Protein backbone atom coordinates (compact mmCIF):
# COMPACT_ATOMS: atom_id res chain seq x y z
CA MET A 1 130.93 171.98 130.51
CA GLN A 2 130.99 171.14 134.22
CA ARG A 3 133.68 173.75 134.87
CA HIS A 4 131.73 176.43 132.96
CA LYS A 5 128.59 175.61 134.95
CA LEU A 6 130.41 176.04 138.26
CA CYS A 7 131.90 179.34 137.17
CA THR A 8 128.50 180.83 136.24
CA LEU A 9 126.66 179.79 139.43
CA SER A 10 126.04 182.27 142.24
CA LEU A 11 127.44 181.43 145.67
CA GLY A 12 124.04 180.16 146.83
CA GLY A 13 123.56 178.14 143.67
CA LEU A 14 127.12 176.87 143.90
CA MET A 15 126.58 175.70 147.47
CA LEU A 16 123.39 173.84 146.51
CA HIS A 17 125.07 172.31 143.45
CA LEU A 18 128.08 171.17 145.50
CA LEU A 19 125.89 169.72 148.24
CA LYS A 20 124.02 167.65 145.68
CA ALA A 21 127.28 166.51 144.12
CA VAL A 22 128.77 165.60 147.50
CA TRP A 23 125.60 163.70 148.47
CA ALA A 24 125.86 161.71 145.26
CA TYR A 25 129.39 160.68 146.30
CA ARG A 26 128.57 160.04 149.97
CA TYR A 27 129.57 156.37 149.78
CA PHE A 28 132.91 157.34 148.28
CA ILE A 29 133.48 159.82 151.15
CA VAL A 30 132.59 157.30 153.86
CA SER A 31 134.67 154.60 152.21
CA SER A 32 137.64 156.96 151.91
CA ILE A 33 137.42 157.86 155.63
CA LYS A 34 137.47 154.16 156.55
CA THR A 35 140.33 153.43 154.18
CA GLU A 36 142.36 156.37 155.43
CA PHE A 37 141.89 155.31 159.05
CA ARG A 38 142.90 151.71 158.34
CA SER A 39 145.92 152.60 156.19
CA ARG A 40 147.23 155.15 158.69
CA PHE A 41 147.58 152.49 161.37
CA ALA A 42 147.84 149.33 159.26
CA ARG A 43 151.23 148.28 160.69
CA SER A 44 150.87 149.82 164.10
CA LYS A 45 150.08 147.64 167.10
CA LEU A 46 148.56 150.55 169.02
CA GLY A 47 146.61 151.71 165.97
CA GLY A 48 144.45 154.78 166.51
CA LEU A 49 145.70 155.18 170.07
CA TRP A 50 148.66 157.12 168.66
CA MET A 51 146.25 159.92 167.73
CA VAL A 52 145.26 160.08 171.41
CA LEU A 53 148.68 159.53 172.99
CA HIS A 54 150.26 162.58 171.34
CA PRO A 55 147.93 165.24 172.84
CA LEU A 56 147.87 163.36 176.16
CA ALA A 57 151.69 163.41 176.22
CA LEU A 58 151.65 167.19 175.66
CA VAL A 59 149.16 167.61 178.50
CA LEU A 60 151.39 165.53 180.77
CA ILE A 61 154.49 167.58 179.89
CA TYR A 62 152.77 170.92 180.51
CA ALA A 63 151.18 169.64 183.72
CA LEU A 64 154.47 168.39 185.10
CA ILE A 65 156.26 171.66 184.34
CA LEU A 66 153.59 174.23 185.16
CA SER A 67 151.12 172.55 187.51
CA GLN A 68 152.41 174.12 190.73
CA ILE A 69 152.30 177.60 189.22
CA MET A 70 149.01 177.40 187.34
CA THR A 71 146.85 175.44 189.80
CA ALA A 72 146.76 178.50 192.08
CA LYS A 73 145.15 180.41 189.19
CA LEU A 74 142.12 178.07 189.30
CA PRO A 75 140.83 178.56 192.84
CA SER A 76 137.22 177.94 191.81
CA VAL A 77 137.99 174.29 190.96
CA ALA A 78 138.15 172.04 194.01
CA SER A 79 140.14 169.22 192.38
CA GLN A 80 143.89 169.10 193.03
CA TYR A 81 144.19 168.10 189.37
CA ALA A 82 142.51 171.31 188.20
CA TYR A 83 145.35 172.34 185.88
CA PRO A 84 145.67 169.04 183.94
CA ILE A 85 141.89 169.05 183.53
CA TYR A 86 142.04 172.66 182.30
CA ILE A 87 144.65 171.77 179.67
CA LEU A 88 142.77 168.66 178.54
CA ALA A 89 139.55 170.67 178.13
CA GLY A 90 141.27 173.16 175.83
CA MET A 91 143.45 170.61 174.06
CA VAL A 92 140.53 168.46 172.92
CA GLY A 93 139.04 171.39 171.00
CA TRP A 94 142.38 172.69 169.70
CA THR A 95 143.41 169.25 168.42
CA LEU A 96 140.24 169.00 166.34
CA PHE A 97 140.71 172.52 164.96
CA SER A 98 144.42 172.25 164.15
CA GLU A 99 144.15 168.84 162.49
CA ILE A 100 141.29 169.84 160.19
CA MET A 101 142.80 173.21 159.34
CA SER A 102 146.35 171.98 158.66
CA ARG A 103 145.15 169.05 156.54
CA SER A 104 142.63 171.20 154.63
CA VAL A 105 145.39 173.59 153.58
CA THR A 106 147.22 170.80 151.75
CA VAL A 107 144.32 168.50 150.88
CA PHE A 108 144.15 169.42 147.16
CA ILE A 109 147.91 169.20 146.68
CA ASP A 110 148.14 165.89 148.57
CA ASN A 111 145.43 164.42 146.33
CA GLY A 112 146.50 166.02 143.06
CA ASN A 113 147.03 162.68 141.28
CA LEU A 114 143.64 161.42 142.41
CA LEU A 115 141.90 164.55 141.14
CA LYS A 116 143.51 164.06 137.72
CA LYS A 117 142.53 160.40 137.47
CA MET A 118 138.99 160.44 138.89
CA ALA A 119 135.96 162.64 138.37
CA PHE A 120 134.41 163.57 141.71
CA PRO A 121 133.54 166.84 143.50
CA LYS A 122 136.66 168.42 144.97
CA LEU A 123 134.82 169.34 148.15
CA ALA A 124 134.62 165.64 148.95
CA LEU A 125 138.28 165.86 149.96
CA PRO A 126 137.81 168.36 152.83
CA LEU A 127 134.81 166.31 153.98
CA ILE A 128 137.03 163.22 154.13
CA VAL A 129 139.48 165.26 156.24
CA VAL A 130 136.64 166.35 158.55
CA GLY A 131 135.36 162.78 158.87
CA GLY A 132 138.78 161.35 159.71
CA SER A 133 139.54 164.14 162.17
CA PHE A 134 136.15 163.75 163.83
CA VAL A 135 136.82 160.04 164.41
CA ASN A 136 140.11 161.00 166.09
CA PHE A 137 138.25 163.61 168.15
CA ILE A 138 135.72 161.03 169.39
CA MET A 139 138.56 158.71 170.43
CA LEU A 140 140.35 161.53 172.27
CA PHE A 141 137.11 162.65 173.89
CA VAL A 142 136.36 159.15 175.23
CA VAL A 143 139.90 158.72 176.56
CA MET A 144 139.71 162.20 178.10
CA PHE A 145 136.62 161.20 180.06
CA VAL A 146 138.39 158.07 181.26
CA VAL A 147 141.21 160.31 182.51
CA PHE A 148 138.66 162.65 184.10
CA ALA A 149 137.10 159.70 185.92
CA LEU A 150 140.50 158.59 187.21
CA LEU A 151 141.06 162.14 188.49
CA GLY A 152 137.65 162.19 190.17
CA HIS A 153 136.16 164.78 187.81
CA LEU A 154 133.05 163.90 185.79
CA PRO A 155 131.36 166.93 184.19
CA TYR A 156 128.01 165.99 182.68
CA HIS A 157 125.51 168.77 183.43
CA SER A 158 126.45 170.86 180.38
CA LEU A 159 127.60 168.24 177.89
CA HIS A 160 124.62 169.05 175.67
CA TRP A 161 126.56 172.19 174.64
CA MET A 162 129.36 170.11 173.12
CA PRO A 163 127.73 169.65 169.66
CA LEU A 164 127.55 173.45 169.27
CA LEU A 165 131.22 173.86 170.21
CA VAL A 166 132.29 171.01 167.93
CA LEU A 167 130.32 172.42 164.96
CA LEU A 168 131.83 175.85 165.56
CA THR A 169 135.33 174.34 165.76
CA ILE A 170 134.84 172.36 162.55
CA GLY A 171 133.30 175.34 160.76
CA LEU A 172 136.22 177.62 161.66
CA ALA A 173 138.80 174.99 160.69
CA VAL A 174 137.13 174.17 157.37
CA GLY A 175 136.49 177.80 156.44
CA ILE A 176 140.05 178.95 157.15
CA GLY A 177 141.66 175.74 155.89
CA LEU A 178 139.68 175.57 152.65
CA PHE A 179 140.23 179.26 151.87
CA PHE A 180 143.99 178.96 152.22
CA GLY A 181 143.92 175.45 150.74
CA VAL A 182 142.70 176.85 147.42
CA LEU A 183 145.31 179.62 147.55
CA ASN A 184 147.96 177.02 148.38
CA VAL A 185 147.35 175.28 145.05
CA PHE A 186 148.57 178.40 143.24
CA MET A 187 151.04 179.71 145.85
CA ARG A 188 152.76 176.81 147.59
CA ASP A 189 154.38 179.06 150.20
CA VAL A 190 150.95 179.53 151.79
CA GLY A 191 151.03 176.05 153.32
CA GLN A 192 154.51 176.56 154.77
CA VAL A 193 153.60 179.93 156.29
CA LEU A 194 150.41 178.58 157.86
CA THR A 195 152.31 175.70 159.48
CA VAL A 196 154.40 178.28 161.34
CA ILE A 197 151.37 180.47 162.10
CA LEU A 198 149.53 177.50 163.60
CA GLN A 199 152.38 176.96 166.07
CA PHE A 200 152.17 180.58 167.22
CA TRP A 201 148.37 180.38 167.20
CA PHE A 202 148.47 177.61 169.81
CA TRP A 203 150.34 179.87 172.24
CA LEU A 204 148.05 182.81 171.48
CA THR A 205 145.10 180.68 172.64
CA PRO A 206 144.51 180.21 176.41
CA ILE A 207 145.08 176.46 176.53
CA VAL A 208 148.23 176.17 178.62
CA TYR A 209 147.66 179.44 180.52
CA MET A 210 144.60 181.27 181.85
CA PRO A 211 143.36 184.59 180.42
CA SER A 212 143.59 186.00 183.96
CA ILE A 213 147.40 185.99 183.82
CA ILE A 214 147.37 188.26 180.74
CA PRO A 215 147.45 192.01 181.57
CA GLU A 216 144.01 193.57 181.28
CA LYS A 217 145.09 195.91 178.48
CA TYR A 218 145.81 192.90 176.22
CA HIS A 219 142.53 191.06 176.81
CA GLY A 220 140.98 192.73 173.76
CA LEU A 221 143.79 191.41 171.57
CA LEU A 222 143.39 187.94 173.09
CA MET A 223 139.70 187.93 172.21
CA LEU A 224 140.50 188.84 168.58
CA ASN A 225 141.68 185.26 168.29
CA PRO A 226 138.47 183.39 167.30
CA MET A 227 139.72 180.21 168.97
CA THR A 228 139.92 181.99 172.35
CA GLY A 229 136.14 182.09 172.72
CA VAL A 230 135.78 178.52 171.47
CA VAL A 231 138.41 177.13 173.85
CA LEU A 232 136.85 179.05 176.74
CA GLY A 233 133.61 177.31 175.82
CA TYR A 234 135.24 173.88 176.04
CA GLN A 235 136.76 174.83 179.41
CA ASN A 236 133.41 176.02 180.77
CA VAL A 237 131.71 172.76 179.81
CA LEU A 238 134.47 170.29 180.64
CA LEU A 239 136.19 171.96 183.60
CA TYR A 240 133.58 174.15 185.28
CA ASP A 241 130.62 171.95 184.20
CA LYS A 242 128.59 174.96 183.11
CA ALA A 243 127.21 176.41 179.89
CA PRO A 244 129.59 178.37 177.63
CA ASP A 245 129.28 182.14 177.49
CA LEU A 246 127.25 182.58 174.30
CA THR A 247 128.22 186.24 173.97
CA VAL A 248 131.87 185.15 173.64
CA LEU A 249 130.90 182.73 170.86
CA VAL A 250 129.31 185.41 168.66
CA TYR A 251 132.64 186.67 167.28
CA PRO A 252 134.00 183.17 166.39
CA SER A 253 130.66 182.45 164.69
CA VAL A 254 130.96 185.59 162.55
CA VAL A 255 134.58 184.74 161.65
CA MET A 256 133.48 181.21 160.73
CA LEU A 257 130.72 182.44 158.39
CA VAL A 258 133.04 185.00 156.76
CA PHE A 259 135.73 182.41 156.03
CA LEU A 260 133.22 179.83 154.81
CA LEU A 261 131.84 182.40 152.33
CA LEU A 262 135.36 183.45 151.30
CA ALA A 263 136.32 179.79 150.85
CA LEU A 264 133.31 179.17 148.61
CA PHE A 265 134.06 182.34 146.65
CA VAL A 266 137.71 181.50 145.92
CA PHE A 267 136.76 177.88 145.26
CA LYS A 268 134.20 179.03 142.71
CA LYS A 269 136.76 181.27 140.99
CA ALA A 270 139.58 178.72 141.00
CA ASN A 271 137.73 175.43 140.56
CA GLY A 272 138.21 175.24 136.81
CA GLU A 273 141.98 175.79 136.97
CA MET A 274 142.95 173.84 140.07
CA THR A 275 143.32 170.42 138.46
CA ASP A 276 145.47 171.86 135.65
CA VAL A 277 147.79 173.56 138.14
CA LEU A 278 148.09 170.42 140.27
């Protein structure tokens, strides 16, 4: 009966129905986020710091290798540590995006046994992923500011733009991840392919390099990457201490809405069969 009801709802009605169902299971979602966080680091002395140390280690590696070359490309930043700050600003947004997206692609498969044993809205699972990833993001963000302070760089004039950038990052990651996550239930190669694509995607996003080093004729292709505009927004706020270019954020916003609608559409079509396939 429940499956039939979901199949006959419009997208708008489906969204409202799912929101009500998720709200009814809000305590389950919050509890699952806490449990996941504790279990992930239950036997680790450093605990959640491992989620912070990995991106910081990458920043350190890139900075050590490329700092002398890339710092000259940031003449508008007075700090001698301009390049490490530049990477950190982009990495904090990319880490949130990549974690949510990669985990959303496999979230239904990873929790297949749970879906068969318990009755709860499937969309609770991506929300648990978002909650856990957001906690990691907050930890990384705090540590990043500690590093900024040690480097003598404390951007604070434009921090009020961060919620917009974070929401856009989460929306993109959830939309793309959930769309391919549903497809991955029926075609398991999807998850493997996206793991490889995500690695290329990192290098197609101006995190380690500046857009200025890309030949002008390829700038249009660079901007077709929705994460380019988002990462540039993080860099404007956290490196240059200024507001993001809102015109650059229009395209990522459109891509986000398209994928969220596509994700809801395929979820509506496949919801009744997913548990059986899992």
